[in-house]
C-alpha atoms as a PDB file:
ATOM      1  CA  MET A   1     124.642  84.758 104.401  1.00  0.00           C
ATOM      2  CA  ASP A   2     121.486  86.888 104.592  1.00  0.00           C
ATOM      3  CA  ARG A   3     119.125  87.019 107.572  1.00  0.00           C
ATOM      4  CA  THR A   4     116.568  89.542 106.364  1.00  0.00           C
ATOM      5  CA  VAL A   5     113.320  88.415 107.979  1.00  0.00           C
ATOM      6  CA  ARG A   6     112.194  90.206 111.111  1.00  0.00           C
ATOM      7  CA  THR A   7     108.609  91.305 110.369  1.00  0.00           C
ATOM      8  CA  VAL A   8     105.557  89.922 108.582  1.00  0.00           C
ATOM      9  CA  GLU A   9     106.233  92.339 105.733  1.00  0.00           C
ATOM     10  CA  ASP A  10     109.747  90.875 105.442  1.00  0.00           C
ATOM     11  CA  VAL A  11     108.184  87.427 105.006  1.00  0.00           C
ATOM     12  CA  LEU A  12     105.792  88.723 102.352  1.00  0.00           C
ATOM     13  CA  ALA A  13     108.622  90.439 100.486  1.00  0.00           C
ATOM     14  CA  LEU A  14     110.684  87.225 100.631  1.00  0.00           C
ATOM     15  CA  LEU A  15     107.800  85.289  99.094  1.00  0.00           C
ATOM     16  CA  ASP A  16     107.305  87.979  96.451  1.00  0.00           C
ATOM     17  CA  GLY A  17     110.829  87.253  95.327  1.00  0.00           C
ATOM     18  CA  LEU A  18     109.923  83.669  94.440  1.00  0.00           C
ATOM     19  CA  PHE A  19     107.843  85.025  91.565  1.00  0.00           C
ATOM     20  CA  ALA A  20     110.361  87.640  90.367  1.00  0.00           C
ATOM     21  CA  SER A  21     111.408  87.340  86.737  1.00  0.00           C
ATOM     22  CA  GLU A  22     115.035  87.482  85.672  1.00  0.00           C
ATOM     23  CA  SER A  23     114.439  90.882  84.092  1.00  0.00           C
ATOM     24  CA  GLU A  24     112.809  92.288  87.192  1.00  0.00           C
ATOM     25  CA  ALA A  25     114.856  91.357  90.212  1.00  0.00           C
ATOM     26  CA  GLY A  26     113.576  92.540  93.538  1.00  0.00           C
ATOM     27  CA  ARG A  27     110.230  93.065  95.173  1.00  0.00           C
ATOM     28  CA  LEU A  28     107.065  92.072  93.305  1.00  0.00           C
ATOM     29  CA  ALA A  29     103.971  92.750  95.343  1.00  0.00           C
ATOM     30  CA  THR A  30     101.336  92.221  92.681  1.00  0.00           C
ATOM     31  CA  GLY A  31     101.723  89.110  90.626  1.00  0.00           C
ATOM     32  CA  ASP A  32     103.333  89.615  87.259  1.00  0.00           C
ATOM     33  CA  GLY A  33     104.843  92.987  88.151  1.00  0.00           C
ATOM     34  CA  LYS A  34     105.024  96.463  86.670  1.00  0.00           C
ATOM     35  CA  ASP A  35     107.174  95.585  83.650  1.00  0.00           C
ATOM     36  CA  PHE A  36     104.701  92.926  82.507  1.00  0.00           C
ATOM     37  CA  TRP A  37     101.718  95.278  82.730  1.00  0.00           C
ATOM     38  CA  ASP A  38     103.591  98.150  81.099  1.00  0.00           C
ATOM     39  CA  ARG A  39     104.223  95.912  78.085  1.00  0.00           C
ATOM     40  CA  PHE A  40     100.636  94.664  78.192  1.00  0.00           C
ATOM     41  CA  TYR A  41      99.115  98.154  77.980  1.00  0.00           C
ATOM     42  CA  THR A  42     101.613  99.744  75.571  1.00  0.00           C
ATOM     43  CA  ASP A  43      99.698  98.970  72.358  1.00  0.00           C
ATOM     44  CA  ARG A  44      96.244 100.478  72.881  1.00  0.00           C
ATOM     45  CA  SER A  45      95.012  99.093  69.548  1.00  0.00           C
ATOM     46  CA  ARG A  46      95.343  95.444  70.568  1.00  0.00           C
ATOM     47  CA  PRO A  47      92.052  93.487  70.341  1.00  0.00           C
ATOM     48  CA  VAL A  48      91.845  92.855  74.087  1.00  0.00           C
ATOM     49  CA  PRO A  49      88.167  92.755  75.132  1.00  0.00           C
ATOM     50  CA  PHE A  50      88.617  94.849  78.273  1.00  0.00           C
ATOM     51  CA  PHE A  51      90.668  97.494  76.463  1.00  0.00           C
ATOM     52  CA  VAL A  52      87.341  98.887  75.253  1.00  0.00           C
ATOM     53  CA  SER A  53      86.056 101.610  77.568  1.00  0.00           C
ATOM     54  CA  LYS A  54      83.041  99.700  78.877  1.00  0.00           C
ATOM     55  CA  PRO A  55      82.166  99.075  82.538  1.00  0.00           C
ATOM     56  CA  ASP A  56      81.611  95.585  83.931  1.00  0.00           C
ATOM     57  CA  GLU A  57      77.995  94.490  83.527  1.00  0.00           C
ATOM     58  CA  ASN A  58      77.752  93.479  87.187  1.00  0.00           C
ATOM     59  CA  LEU A  59      78.895  96.916  88.338  1.00  0.00           C
ATOM     60  CA  ALA A  60      76.169  98.579  86.278  1.00  0.00           C
ATOM     61  CA  ALA A  61      73.660  96.043  87.617  1.00  0.00           C
ATOM     62  CA  TYR A  62      74.557  96.789  91.245  1.00  0.00           C
ATOM     63  CA  LEU A  63      73.780 100.453  90.668  1.00  0.00           C
ATOM     64  CA  ASP A  64      70.633  99.830  88.653  1.00  0.00           C
ATOM     65  CA  GLN A  65      69.325  97.419  91.320  1.00  0.00           C
ATOM     66  CA  GLY A  66      70.119  99.817  94.162  1.00  0.00           C
ATOM     67  CA  LEU A  67      72.617  97.451  95.795  1.00  0.00           C
ATOM     68  CA  ILE A  68      75.221 100.225  95.876  1.00  0.00           C
ATOM     69  CA  ALA A  69      74.841 104.003  95.832  1.00  0.00           C
ATOM     70  CA  PRO A  70      77.197 106.853  94.872  1.00  0.00           C
ATOM     71  CA  GLY A  71      79.879 107.764  97.397  1.00  0.00           C
ATOM     72  CA  ARG A  72      83.664 107.495  97.587  1.00  0.00           C
ATOM     73  CA  ALA A  73      85.089 104.683  95.447  1.00  0.00           C
ATOM     74  CA  LEU A  74      88.488 103.055  95.040  1.00  0.00           C
ATOM     75  CA  ASP A  75      89.292 101.121  91.847  1.00  0.00           C
ATOM     76  CA  LEU A  76      92.104  98.654  92.592  1.00  0.00           C
ATOM     77  CA  GLY A  77      94.150  97.625  89.568  1.00  0.00           C
ATOM     78  CA  CYS A  78      92.207 100.125  87.480  1.00  0.00           C
ATOM     79  CA  GLY A  79      94.067  99.508  84.210  1.00  0.00           C
ATOM     80  CA  ALA A  80      92.987 102.089  81.659  1.00  0.00           C
ATOM     81  CA  GLY A  81      90.199 103.300  83.928  1.00  0.00           C
ATOM     82  CA  ARG A  82      87.046 101.953  82.252  1.00  0.00           C
ATOM     83  CA  ASN A  83      85.237 101.185  85.543  1.00  0.00           C
ATOM     84  CA  ALA A  84      86.619 104.256  87.296  1.00  0.00           C
ATOM     85  CA  LEU A  85      85.295 106.570  84.582  1.00  0.00           C
ATOM     86  CA  TYR A  86      81.905 104.854  84.651  1.00  0.00           C
ATOM     87  CA  LEU A  87      81.619 105.299  88.402  1.00  0.00           C
ATOM     88  CA  ALA A  88      82.571 108.970  88.103  1.00  0.00           C
ATOM     89  CA  SER A  89      79.824 109.387  85.499  1.00  0.00           C
ATOM     90  CA  ARG A  90      77.356 107.882  87.990  1.00  0.00           C
ATOM     91  CA  GLY A  91      78.197 110.366  90.718  1.00  0.00           C
ATOM     92  CA  PHE A  92      81.048 108.674  92.599  1.00  0.00           C
ATOM     93  CA  GLU A  93      84.174 110.424  93.849  1.00  0.00           C
ATOM     94  CA  VAL A  94      86.781 108.026  92.474  1.00  0.00           C
ATOM     95  CA  ASP A  95      90.386 107.178  93.297  1.00  0.00           C
ATOM     96  CA  ALA A  96      91.942 104.702  90.852  1.00  0.00           C
ATOM     97  CA  VAL A  97      95.274 102.960  91.402  1.00  0.00           C
ATOM     98  CA  ASP A  98      97.397 100.734  89.191  1.00  0.00           C
ATOM     99  CA  LEU A  99     100.933  99.386  89.311  1.00  0.00           C
ATOM    100  CA  SER A 100     101.591 100.314  85.666  1.00  0.00           C
ATOM    101  CA  PRO A 101     102.365 103.918  84.714  1.00  0.00           C
ATOM    102  CA  VAL A 102     101.498 103.032  81.108  1.00  0.00           C
ATOM    103  CA  ALA A 103      97.991 101.963  82.148  1.00  0.00           C
ATOM    104  CA  VAL A 104      97.545 104.999  84.380  1.00  0.00           C
ATOM    105  CA  ALA A 105      98.605 107.342  81.553  1.00  0.00           C
ATOM    106  CA  TRP A 106      95.978 105.758  79.309  1.00  0.00           C
ATOM    107  CA  GLY A 107      93.360 106.189  82.012  1.00  0.00           C
ATOM    108  CA  GLU A 108      94.277 109.844  82.423  1.00  0.00           C
ATOM    109  CA  ASP A 109      94.005 110.355  78.658  1.00  0.00           C
ATOM    110  CA  ARG A 110      90.555 108.775  78.659  1.00  0.00           C
ATOM    111  CA  ALA A 111      89.453 110.920  81.583  1.00  0.00           C
ATOM    112  CA  HIS A 112      90.659 114.063  79.808  1.00  0.00           C
ATOM    113  CA  GLU A 113      88.818 113.105  76.596  1.00  0.00           C
ATOM    114  CA  ALA A 114      85.607 112.232  78.426  1.00  0.00           C
ATOM    115  CA  GLY A 115      85.748 115.085  80.908  1.00  0.00           C
ATOM    116  CA  GLY A 116      85.704 112.550  83.736  1.00  0.00           C
ATOM    117  CA  ASP A 117      86.869 113.482  87.220  1.00  0.00           C
ATOM    118  CA  VAL A 118      89.020 110.588  88.504  1.00  0.00           C
ATOM    119  CA  ARG A 119      92.099 110.837  90.723  1.00  0.00           C
ATOM    120  CA  PHE A 120      94.595 108.356  89.272  1.00  0.00           C
ATOM    121  CA  LEU A 121      97.424 107.006  91.409  1.00  0.00           C
ATOM    122  CA  CYS A 122     100.376 104.960  90.166  1.00  0.00           C
ATOM    123  CA  GLY A 123     101.962 102.448  92.496  1.00  0.00           C
ATOM    124  CA  ASP A 124     101.595  99.339  94.586  1.00  0.00           C
ATOM    125  CA  ALA A 125      98.337  99.717  96.503  1.00  0.00           C
ATOM    126  CA  PHE A 126      99.822  97.780  99.415  1.00  0.00           C
ATOM    127  CA  ALA A 127     102.795 100.130  99.699  1.00  0.00           C
ATOM    128  CA  LEU A 128     101.194 103.523  99.017  1.00  0.00           C
ATOM    129  CA  PRO A 129     101.135 105.696 102.139  1.00  0.00           C
ATOM    130  CA  ALA A 130      97.870 106.061 104.029  1.00  0.00           C
ATOM    131  CA  ALA A 131      97.741 109.692 102.964  1.00  0.00           C
ATOM    132  CA  GLU A 132      97.363 108.531  99.339  1.00  0.00           C
ATOM    133  CA  LEU A 133      94.744 105.809 100.003  1.00  0.00           C
ATOM    134  CA  SER A 134      93.226 107.260 103.111  1.00  0.00           C
ATOM    135  CA  GLY A 135      89.665 106.012 102.849  1.00  0.00           C
ATOM    136  CA  PRO A 136      87.146 105.450 104.043  1.00  0.00           C
ATOM    137  CA  TYR A 137      85.707 104.254 100.741  1.00  0.00           C
ATOM    138  CA  ASP A 138      82.057 103.325 100.346  1.00  0.00           C
ATOM    139  CA  LEU A 139      82.976 101.064  97.429  1.00  0.00           C
ATOM    140  CA  VAL A 140      86.135  99.195  96.490  1.00  0.00           C
ATOM    141  CA  VAL A 141      86.088  97.842  92.935  1.00  0.00           C
ATOM    142  CA  ASP A 142      88.461  95.115  91.806  1.00  0.00           C
ATOM    143  CA  SER A 143      88.090  93.887  88.252  1.00  0.00           C
ATOM    144  CA  GLY A 144      91.084  91.637  87.718  1.00  0.00           C
ATOM    145  CA  CYS A 145      93.617  92.640  90.379  1.00  0.00           C
ATOM    146  CA  PHE A 146      92.884  90.033  93.052  1.00  0.00           C
ATOM    147  CA  HIS A 147      93.296  87.007  90.814  1.00  0.00           C
ATOM    148  CA  HIS A 148      96.786  88.158  89.778  1.00  0.00           C
ATOM    149  CA  LEU A 149      98.057  88.209  93.367  1.00  0.00           C
ATOM    150  CA  PRO A 150     100.250  85.423  94.766  1.00  0.00           C
ATOM    151  CA  PRO A 151      98.525  83.652  97.649  1.00  0.00           C
ATOM    152  CA  HIS A 152     100.513  85.346 100.425  1.00  0.00           C
ATOM    153  CA  ARG A 153      99.431  88.784  99.202  1.00  0.00           C
ATOM    154  CA  ARG A 154      95.831  87.986 100.118  1.00  0.00           C
ATOM    155  CA  VAL A 155      96.999  88.899 103.620  1.00  0.00           C
ATOM    156  CA  SER A 156      97.972  92.372 102.381  1.00  0.00           C
ATOM    157  CA  TYR A 157      94.759  92.650 100.385  1.00  0.00           C
ATOM    158  CA  LEU A 158      92.525  91.898 103.366  1.00  0.00           C
ATOM    159  CA  ALA A 159      94.545  94.277 105.532  1.00  0.00           C
ATOM    160  CA  LEU A 160      94.056  97.030 102.945  1.00  0.00           C
ATOM    161  CA  LEU A 161      90.301  96.402 102.884  1.00  0.00           C
ATOM    162  CA  ASP A 162      90.205  96.477 106.659  1.00  0.00           C
ATOM    163  CA  ARG A 163      91.925  99.862 106.612  1.00  0.00           C
ATOM    164  CA  VAL A 164      90.087 101.647 103.799  1.00  0.00           C
ATOM    165  CA  LEU A 165      86.603 100.101 103.449  1.00  0.00           C
ATOM    166  CA  ALA A 166      83.965 102.096 105.304  1.00  0.00           C
ATOM    167  CA  PRO A 167      81.539 100.408 107.714  1.00  0.00           C
ATOM    168  CA  GLY A 168      78.645  99.323 105.535  1.00  0.00           C
ATOM    169  CA  GLY A 169      80.845  99.730 102.435  1.00  0.00           C
ATOM    170  CA  HIS A 170      80.997  97.241  99.570  1.00  0.00           C
ATOM    171  CA  LEU A 171      83.654  95.265  97.713  1.00  0.00           C
ATOM    172  CA  ALA A 172      82.759  94.575  94.071  1.00  0.00           C
ATOM    173  CA  LEU A 173      85.071  91.815  92.847  1.00  0.00           C
ATOM    174  CA  THR A 174      85.559  89.885  89.632  1.00  0.00           C
ATOM    175  CA  SER A 175      87.917  86.909  89.452  1.00  0.00           C
ATOM    176  CA  PHE A 176      88.752  83.949  87.245  1.00  0.00           C
ATOM    177  CA  ALA A 177      86.378  81.023  87.732  1.00  0.00           C
ATOM    178  CA  ALA A 178      87.852  77.593  88.405  1.00  0.00           C
ATOM    179  CA  GLY A 179      87.397  74.927  85.755  1.00  0.00           C
ATOM    180  CA  GLU A 180      87.680  77.256  82.760  1.00  0.00           C
ATOM    181  CA  GLN A 181      90.475  75.936  80.567  1.00  0.00           C
ATOM    182  CA  GLY A 182      93.066  78.575  79.732  1.00  0.00           C
ATOM    183  CA  MET A 183      91.446  81.195  81.983  1.00  0.00           C
ATOM    184  CA  GLY A 184      93.046  81.048  85.417  1.00  0.00           C
ATOM    185  CA  SER A 185      95.088  78.334  87.083  1.00  0.00           C
ATOM    186  CA  ASP A 186      93.442  75.679  89.258  1.00  0.00           C
ATOM    187  CA  LEU A 187      96.762  74.773  90.909  1.00  0.00           C
ATOM    188  CA  ALA A 188      96.737  74.598  94.704  1.00  0.00           C
ATOM    189  CA  ASP A 189      98.456  77.432  96.529  1.00  0.00           C
ATOM    190  CA  ALA A 190     101.386  75.253  97.608  1.00  0.00           C
ATOM    191  CA  ASP A 191     102.003  74.094  94.029  1.00  0.00           C
ATOM    192  CA  LEU A 192     102.305  77.688  92.828  1.00  0.00           C
ATOM    193  CA  TYR A 193     105.251  78.164  95.173  1.00  0.00           C
ATOM    194  CA  CYS A 194     106.824  74.919  94.004  1.00  0.00           C
ATOM    195  CA  GLN A 195     106.590  76.067  90.387  1.00  0.00           C
ATOM    196  CA  ARG A 196     107.323  79.732  91.203  1.00  0.00           C
ATOM    197  CA  ASP A 197     104.812  80.737  88.542  1.00  0.00           C
ATOM    198  CA  LEU A 198     101.403  82.380  88.849  1.00  0.00           C
ATOM    199  CA  GLN A 199     100.240  80.676  85.643  1.00  0.00           C
ATOM    200  CA  GLY A 200      98.747  83.898  84.260  1.00  0.00           C
ATOM    201  CA  GLY A 201      96.332  84.307  87.162  1.00  0.00           C
ATOM    202  CA  LEU A 202      94.592  82.208  89.805  1.00  0.00           C
ATOM    203  CA  ALA A 203      91.132  80.704  89.459  1.00  0.00           C
ATOM    204  CA  TYR A 204      88.683  80.566  92.359  1.00  0.00           C
ATOM    205  CA  THR A 205      85.601  78.623  93.349  1.00  0.00           C
ATOM    206  CA  PRO A 206      82.642  80.287  95.073  1.00  0.00           C
ATOM    207  CA  GLU A 207      83.586  78.433  98.254  1.00  0.00           C
ATOM    208  CA  SER A 208      87.149  79.750  98.186  1.00  0.00           C
ATOM    209  CA  LEU A 209      85.950  83.331  97.661  1.00  0.00           C
ATOM    210  CA  ARG A 210      83.494  82.990 100.543  1.00  0.00           C
ATOM    211  CA  TRP A 211      86.262  81.633 102.782  1.00  0.00           C
ATOM    212  CA  ILE A 212      88.768  84.356 101.919  1.00  0.00           C
ATOM    213  CA  PHE A 213      86.215  87.138 102.387  1.00  0.00           C
ATOM    214  CA  SER A 214      84.398  85.510 105.294  1.00  0.00           C
ATOM    215  CA  ASP A 215      84.766  88.664 107.401  1.00  0.00           C
ATOM    216  CA  LEU A 216      82.428  90.403 104.948  1.00  0.00           C
ATOM    217  CA  VAL A 217      78.729  89.795 104.281  1.00  0.00           C
ATOM    218  CA  GLU A 218      77.947  88.196 100.940  1.00  0.00           C
ATOM    219  CA  VAL A 219      75.358  90.181  99.006  1.00  0.00           C
ATOM    220  CA  GLN A 220      75.632  88.445  95.644  1.00  0.00           C
ATOM    221  CA  LEU A 221      77.913  85.924  93.967  1.00  0.00           C
ATOM    222  CA  ARG A 222      77.296  84.821  90.392  1.00  0.00           C
ATOM    223  CA  ARG A 223      78.909  84.309  87.002  1.00  0.00           C
ATOM    224  CA  MET A 224      79.471  87.393  84.938  1.00  0.00           C
ATOM    225  CA  ARG A 225      76.913  87.515  82.150  1.00  0.00           C
ATOM    226  CA  GLU A 226      77.995  87.447  78.516  1.00  0.00           C
ATOM    227  CA  GLU A 227      77.619  90.766  76.730  1.00  0.00           C
ATOM    228  CA  PRO A 228      77.602  91.005  72.915  1.00  0.00           C
ATOM    229  CA  PRO A 229      80.188  93.202  71.158  1.00  0.00           C
ATOM    230  CA  GLU A 230      77.627  95.930  70.498  1.00  0.00           C
ATOM    231  CA  SER A 231      76.699  96.180  74.188  1.00  0.00           C
ATOM    232  CA  ALA A 232      77.669  99.242  76.212  1.00  0.00           C
ATOM    233  CA  LEU A 233      78.811  96.851  78.980  1.00  0.00           C
ATOM    234  CA  PHE A 234      81.653  94.358  79.351  1.00  0.00           C
ATOM    235  CA  GLY A 235      80.747  90.774  80.200  1.00  0.00           C
ATOM    236  CA  VAL A 236      82.387  87.345  79.825  1.00  0.00           C
ATOM    237  CA  THR A 237      81.296  84.106  81.448  1.00  0.00           C
ATOM    238  CA  PHE A 238      84.685  82.847  82.672  1.00  0.00           C
ATOM    239  CA  LEU A 239      84.622  85.298  85.602  1.00  0.00           C
ATOM    240  CA  TRP A 240      82.901  85.226  88.964  1.00  0.00           C
ATOM    241  CA  THR A 241      81.340  88.467  90.093  1.00  0.00           C
ATOM    242  CA  ALA A 242      80.906  89.018  93.804  1.00  0.00           C
ATOM    243  CA  LEU A 243      79.516  91.801  95.935  1.00  0.00           C
ATOM    244  CA  PHE A 244      80.456  91.768  99.619  1.00  0.00           C
ATOM    245  CA  ARG A 245      79.492  94.258 102.320  1.00  0.00           C
ATOM    246  CA  ARG A 246      81.338  95.252 105.453  1.00  0.00           C
ATOM    247  CA  SER A 247      79.111  94.980 108.498  1.00  0.00           C
ATOM    248  CA  ALA A 248      77.958  98.130 110.228  1.00  0.00           C
ATOM    249  CA  ALA A 249      75.719  98.614 113.254  1.00  0.00           C
ATOM    250  CA  ALA A 250      73.421 100.876 111.291  1.00  0.00           C
ATOM    251  CA  SER A 251      73.258  98.612 108.258  1.00  0.00           C
ATOM    252  CA  GLY A 252      70.259  96.434 107.662  1.00  0.00           C
ATOM    253  CA  ASP A 253      70.781  92.756 106.987  1.00  0.00           C
ATOM    254  CA  VAL A 254      71.133  91.874 103.317  1.00  0.00           C
ATOM    255  CA  ARG A 255      69.946  88.446 102.317  1.00  0.00           C
ATOM    256  CA  PRO A 256      72.623  86.681 100.213  1.00  0.00           C
ATOM    257  CA  VAL A 257      71.677  86.085  96.597  1.00  0.00           C
ATOM    258  CA  HIS A 258      73.153  82.939  95.045  1.00  0.00           C
ATOM    259  CA  ASP A 259      72.893  82.948  91.255  1.00  0.00           C
ATOM    260  CA  PHE A 260      75.219  80.603  89.446  1.00  0.00           C
ATOM    261  CA  ALA A 261      73.491  80.842  86.084  1.00  0.00           C
END
């Protein structure tokens, strides 16, 4: 008989175990786990749209529109580093973290080839010591990490933001949009635990994103815009893009922009 729960982190770890695969027993803090993402990134030639080294169109738009400015940036779930390298090229000091060493190695190779200056970190962002993800960051970028988290890890995610996001800093988020068949699960949180399956990622509505990030100020929330293959930017319409700002006494009010086109 095991009685292992004493802290909140013990509860979170217990719930992580509900989504553990048979081949990966133990703690899974980020959805499908390291082994899944290592396999996913092993073949760099696969025709996966976001394998191409292009930044998200919304991220480029935020910079071009002056909604964000260069500073310290953290790329959560950076994959092969496409957004991290773009930010570095635009004058940001970038830390990029991913659970998969295979993805991080690819990102480091890309940085070496491009001459980009990005500090890559491999590990669970929720478990890395504060000395590794010390903050404060003026920008936290998340292009596809959040929607692969089990519901209980939103608690860890918000706690991480609270610790590392600078006053007046921004969160740039993309996530699966609800109602898009085959692109993100619309199952209720409770049903995910009943099935013990993250369904390949969780879909969100604008209302659910606003609720989860209600401690931040909404700057913009819209669909990602489609980008053609020849574009220098990445864009698909089954994702929400959101820009949130942490309040700061010295920050001016930003009027929310609602664009669901």
